[in-house]
Amino acid sequence: MSSSTWTRDALSSESRPVTGRCWRLVEAQHHVSTVKLTDNQEEQERLEQLLEETKPAIPAECIHLRYLLFTPFRYGAPYPRGSRFRRAGFTQGVFYGAELPRTAAIEVAFYRLLFFAESPATPWPANPGEYTAFAVDYATGRAIDLRTPPLDRDRTRWIHPTDYAGCQALAGECREAGIDVIKYQSVRDPEPATNVAILHCRAFASADAVERQTWRIQVSATGARLLCEAPKASYGFDRAAFANDPRIKAMQWER
């Protein structure tokens, strides 16, 4: 069965209730970037307010959420590059998460390496980047899982490392069918792992993050190292771990 066969009616019949928790990473300076520009808390709050007023409007269904949750759904500017379930351009937002913080960190490490693959003249960073991992709860009566029958018949489309056309078409039909959540296999984690794509803000069961962790990610000519402060965890990945993506495989590692 090809992805074009997955109509809104077919997807609706495969939707099921689901609840869970997923993790996402953001750069740690998201909450301190304005501190160095101001002299006190009052000035910082005023600057944050002014910056907020320049940003696109928050969709009505997301207005009750904290900014870490609603940010992917803000509109007003074209989405610069397509992602697995979102086309480029003026398209509706997607909140991407992973069931494990480790997987969320690996996803970030991959895209850091991809940046250097596409910028061969850029030197490797001397220090690791610091990230905040945060978890949110979700719950919906309408979710699909691409790893289970019959949707897994198109597994090769869902896990393609670079061609997102099938997944983007599927997401469009899911929106028409009123489906809120897509669960799918992580393409970047070398071990079997689950990712979560939240298509609508109504699927969030928590209005703010319910857990947080601090991670550091170092990318270099040897691969990637991921360190979590608490609970203590450390992961290392050499070049071969991301070689299923042709852009990484062809990367100029020595610089």
Protein backbone atom coordinates (compact mmCIF):
# COMPACT_ATOMS: atom_id res chain seq x y z
CA MET A 1 0.00 0.00 0.00
CA SER A 2 1.52 3.31 -1.01
CA SER A 3 1.34 6.50 1.02
CA SER A 4 -1.07 7.96 -1.55
CA THR A 5 -3.58 5.30 -0.46
CA TRP A 6 -3.59 6.58 3.11
CA THR A 7 -6.61 8.81 2.81
CA ARG A 8 -8.12 10.66 5.73
CA ASP A 9 -10.78 7.93 6.06
CA ALA A 10 -8.18 5.15 6.07
CA LEU A 11 -6.08 6.96 8.65
CA SER A 12 -9.08 7.79 10.78
CA SER A 13 -9.96 4.10 10.97
CA GLU A 14 -6.43 3.32 12.20
CA SER A 15 -6.34 6.05 14.87
CA ARG A 16 -6.27 5.04 18.52
CA PRO A 17 -6.19 6.76 21.94
CA VAL A 18 -2.70 7.36 23.29
CA THR A 19 -1.08 8.97 26.32
CA GLY A 20 2.59 9.46 27.01
CA ARG A 21 5.54 11.69 27.69
CA CYS A 22 8.09 12.94 25.17
CA TRP A 23 11.36 14.86 25.33
CA ARG A 24 12.76 17.72 23.28
CA LEU A 25 16.08 19.63 23.41
CA VAL A 26 16.59 23.37 23.07
CA GLU A 27 19.76 25.41 23.35
CA ALA A 28 20.32 26.34 26.99
CA GLN A 29 20.78 30.05 26.28
CA HIS A 30 17.09 30.32 25.40
CA HIS A 31 16.46 31.43 28.98
CA VAL A 32 19.58 33.55 29.62
CA SER A 33 20.32 35.20 26.28
CA THR A 34 18.91 38.55 27.38
CA VAL A 35 20.61 38.60 30.80
CA LYS A 36 23.91 39.95 29.45
CA LEU A 37 22.06 42.74 27.65
CA THR A 38 20.36 44.14 30.76
CA ASP A 39 21.36 45.42 34.19
CA ASN A 40 18.55 44.02 36.34
CA GLN A 41 15.51 41.73 36.37
CA GLU A 42 13.08 44.53 35.53
CA GLU A 43 15.03 45.50 32.42
CA GLN A 44 15.31 41.88 31.34
CA GLU A 45 11.56 41.32 31.70
CA ARG A 46 10.86 44.49 29.69
CA LEU A 47 13.27 43.40 26.95
CA GLU A 48 11.67 39.95 26.84
CA GLN A 49 8.27 41.61 26.52
CA LEU A 50 9.44 43.82 23.64
CA LEU A 51 10.95 40.85 21.86
CA GLU A 52 7.74 38.89 22.33
CA GLU A 53 5.72 41.66 20.69
CA THR A 54 7.82 41.39 17.52
CA LYS A 55 7.19 37.67 17.09
CA PRO A 56 4.34 36.03 15.13
CA ALA A 57 1.01 35.58 16.88
CA ILE A 58 0.42 32.47 18.97
CA PRO A 59 -2.37 30.29 17.51
CA ALA A 60 -5.54 30.47 19.62
CA GLU A 61 -5.48 26.77 20.52
CA CYS A 62 -1.92 27.15 21.87
CA ILE A 63 -2.36 30.36 23.89
CA HIS A 64 -2.61 28.52 27.24
CA LEU A 65 0.76 26.81 26.78
CA ARG A 66 4.21 27.91 27.88
CA TYR A 67 6.51 29.09 25.12
CA LEU A 68 8.60 25.91 24.91
CA LEU A 69 5.46 24.10 23.79
CA PHE A 70 3.80 26.66 21.54
CA THR A 71 6.91 27.95 19.73
CA PRO A 72 6.86 25.30 16.93
CA PHE A 73 3.29 26.31 16.10
CA ARG A 74 3.91 30.03 15.62
CA TYR A 75 3.24 31.32 12.13
CA GLY A 76 4.00 34.54 10.27
CA ALA A 77 7.19 33.50 8.51
CA PRO A 78 7.88 30.72 6.01
CA TYR A 79 9.27 27.51 7.43
CA PRO A 80 12.78 27.65 5.92
CA ARG A 81 13.31 23.97 5.23
CA GLY A 82 10.98 21.01 5.14
CA SER A 83 11.17 18.47 7.96
CA ARG A 84 9.80 14.95 8.23
CA PHE A 85 6.16 15.91 8.76
CA ARG A 86 6.18 19.56 7.73
CA ARG A 87 6.64 21.07 4.29
CA ALA A 88 8.67 24.21 3.73
CA GLY A 89 6.81 27.50 3.40
CA PHE A 90 3.80 28.85 5.28
CA THR A 91 2.77 25.53 6.79
CA GLN A 92 1.29 24.40 10.08
CA GLY A 93 3.70 23.62 12.89
CA VAL A 94 4.82 20.29 14.32
CA PHE A 95 6.21 19.64 17.80
CA TYR A 96 8.87 16.93 17.45
CA GLY A 97 9.80 14.87 20.51
CA ALA A 98 11.23 11.51 21.50
CA GLU A 99 10.17 9.03 24.16
CA LEU A 100 13.71 9.01 25.61
CA PRO A 101 15.87 12.07 26.33
CA ARG A 102 18.80 10.12 24.88
CA THR A 103 17.04 9.87 21.53
CA ALA A 104 16.14 13.57 21.58
CA ALA A 105 19.82 14.36 22.21
CA ILE A 106 20.92 12.09 19.35
CA GLU A 107 18.51 13.89 17.01
CA VAL A 108 20.14 17.22 17.94
CA ALA A 109 23.64 15.76 17.54
CA PHE A 110 22.74 14.57 14.05
CA TYR A 111 21.58 18.01 12.96
CA ARG A 112 24.68 19.60 14.46
CA LEU A 113 26.78 17.24 12.33
CA LEU A 114 24.59 18.00 9.33
CA PHE A 115 25.32 21.71 9.77
CA PHE A 116 29.04 21.00 9.54
CA ALA A 117 28.49 18.62 6.61
CA GLU A 118 26.85 21.48 4.73
CA SER A 119 29.46 24.03 5.90
CA PRO A 120 32.78 22.31 5.18
CA ALA A 121 34.78 25.49 5.78
CA THR A 122 33.42 25.93 9.31
CA PRO A 123 35.88 24.74 11.98
CA TRP A 124 34.74 22.29 14.63
CA PRO A 125 33.60 23.94 17.89
CA ALA A 126 36.18 23.95 20.66
CA ASN A 127 33.60 23.49 23.41
CA PRO A 128 30.44 21.40 23.72
CA GLY A 129 27.07 23.05 23.27
CA GLU A 130 24.77 23.18 26.29
CA TYR A 131 21.14 22.15 25.91
CA THR A 132 18.06 21.89 28.08
CA ALA A 133 16.05 18.71 27.64
CA PHE A 134 12.42 19.08 28.69
CA ALA A 135 9.57 16.60 28.85
CA VAL A 136 5.89 17.20 28.20
CA ASP A 137 2.85 14.97 28.63
CA TYR A 138 0.43 14.36 25.78
CA ALA A 139 -2.94 12.64 25.48
CA THR A 140 -5.35 12.25 22.59
CA GLY A 141 -8.08 9.96 21.38
CA ARG A 142 -6.73 10.14 17.83
CA ALA A 143 -3.16 8.98 17.19
CA ILE A 144 -1.47 6.67 14.70
CA ASP A 145 1.68 4.57 15.03
CA LEU A 146 3.68 4.08 11.84
CA ARG A 147 5.49 1.08 13.33
CA THR A 148 2.37 -1.09 13.59
CA PRO A 149 0.24 -2.86 10.96
CA PRO A 150 -1.07 -1.90 8.51
CA LEU A 151 0.85 1.41 8.44
CA ASP A 152 4.20 -0.37 8.71
CA ARG A 153 3.72 -1.63 5.14
CA ASP A 154 5.19 1.70 4.05
CA ARG A 155 8.06 1.54 6.52
CA THR A 156 10.69 2.38 3.89
CA ARG A 157 8.89 5.67 3.19
CA TRP A 158 8.53 6.56 6.86
CA ILE A 159 12.22 6.03 7.69
CA HIS A 160 13.89 7.39 4.57
CA PRO A 161 16.86 9.48 5.76
CA THR A 162 16.41 12.37 3.30
CA ASP A 163 13.15 12.04 1.32
CA TYR A 164 10.31 13.34 3.49
CA ALA A 165 7.65 13.58 0.76
CA GLY A 166 5.75 10.49 1.89
CA CYS A 167 5.71 11.58 5.53
CA GLN A 168 4.68 15.13 4.64
CA ALA A 169 1.78 13.88 2.50
CA LEU A 170 0.74 11.57 5.34
CA ALA A 171 0.79 14.45 7.85
CA GLY A 172 -1.46 16.49 5.58
CA GLU A 173 -4.02 13.69 5.47
CA CYS A 174 -3.71 13.25 9.25
CA ARG A 175 -4.63 16.90 9.79
CA GLU A 176 -7.66 16.49 7.54
CA ALA A 177 -8.65 13.40 9.57
CA GLY A 178 -8.29 15.25 12.89
CA ILE A 179 -5.36 13.12 14.05
CA ASP A 180 -3.23 14.82 16.69
CA VAL A 181 -0.20 12.57 17.19
CA ILE A 182 2.04 10.45 14.97
CA LYS A 183 4.36 7.94 16.63
CA TYR A 184 7.24 6.70 14.49
CA GLN A 185 10.70 5.15 14.54
CA SER A 186 13.65 7.44 15.08
CA VAL A 187 15.79 7.48 11.95
CA ARG A 188 18.82 8.96 13.72
CA ASP A 189 19.12 6.81 16.87
CA PRO A 190 21.27 3.73 16.07
CA GLU A 191 19.13 1.73 18.53
CA PRO A 192 15.38 1.14 18.06
CA ALA A 193 13.67 4.21 19.52
CA THR A 194 10.36 6.03 19.27
CA ASN A 195 9.72 9.60 18.18
CA VAL A 196 6.50 11.57 18.55
CA ALA A 197 5.14 14.26 16.22
CA ILE A 198 2.41 16.40 17.79
CA LEU A 199 0.31 18.08 15.10
CA HIS A 200 -2.11 20.07 17.28
CA CYS A 201 -1.66 21.91 20.58
CA ARG A 202 -4.82 20.29 21.94
CA ALA A 203 -2.81 17.07 22.33
CA PHE A 204 -0.67 18.51 25.14
CA ALA A 205 -1.78 17.18 28.53
CA SER A 206 0.57 19.55 30.37
CA ALA A 207 0.78 23.29 29.75
CA ASP A 208 4.48 23.39 30.65
CA ALA A 209 7.48 21.12 30.89
CA VAL A 210 7.13 18.45 33.56
CA GLU A 211 10.81 17.41 33.71
CA ARG A 212 14.12 19.01 32.75
CA GLN A 213 17.68 17.84 32.24
CA THR A 214 20.95 19.51 31.19
CA TRP A 215 22.86 18.00 28.28
CA ARG A 216 26.15 18.85 26.59
CA ILE A 217 26.83 17.82 23.01
CA GLN A 218 30.28 17.85 21.46
CA VAL A 219 30.71 17.22 17.74
CA SER A 220 34.11 16.77 16.14
CA ALA A 221 36.03 14.87 13.47
CA THR A 222 35.59 11.69 15.51
CA GLY A 223 31.80 11.86 15.74
CA ALA A 224 29.60 13.02 18.63
CA ARG A 225 29.67 12.82 22.42
CA LEU A 226 26.53 13.36 24.50
CA LEU A 227 26.69 14.02 28.22
CA CYS A 228 23.81 14.35 30.67
CA GLU A 229 24.44 15.93 34.08
CA ALA A 230 21.61 14.34 36.08
CA PRO A 231 20.96 11.50 35.90
CA LYS A 232 24.57 10.93 34.85
CA ALA A 233 24.80 9.49 31.37
CA SER A 234 27.32 9.51 28.55
CA TYR A 235 27.06 8.32 24.95
CA GLY A 236 29.57 8.31 22.14
CA PHE A 237 28.92 7.87 18.43
CA ASP A 238 31.52 7.55 15.70
CA ARG A 239 30.99 8.48 12.07
CA ALA A 240 29.45 5.12 11.18
CA ALA A 241 26.52 5.73 13.54
CA PHE A 242 25.09 8.38 11.21
CA ALA A 243 26.30 6.94 7.91
CA ASN A 244 22.77 5.97 6.81
CA ASP A 245 22.40 9.61 5.77
CA PRO A 246 24.34 10.25 2.53
CA ARG A 247 25.07 13.86 3.53
CA ILE A 248 26.87 12.71 6.67
CA LYS A 249 28.52 9.80 4.88
CA ALA A 250 30.04 12.16 2.32
CA MET A 251 31.02 14.70 4.93
CA GLN A 252 34.49 16.29 4.93
CA TRP A 253 35.49 15.28 8.45
CA GLU A 254 39.03 16.57 8.59
CA ARG A 255 39.26 20.39 8.70
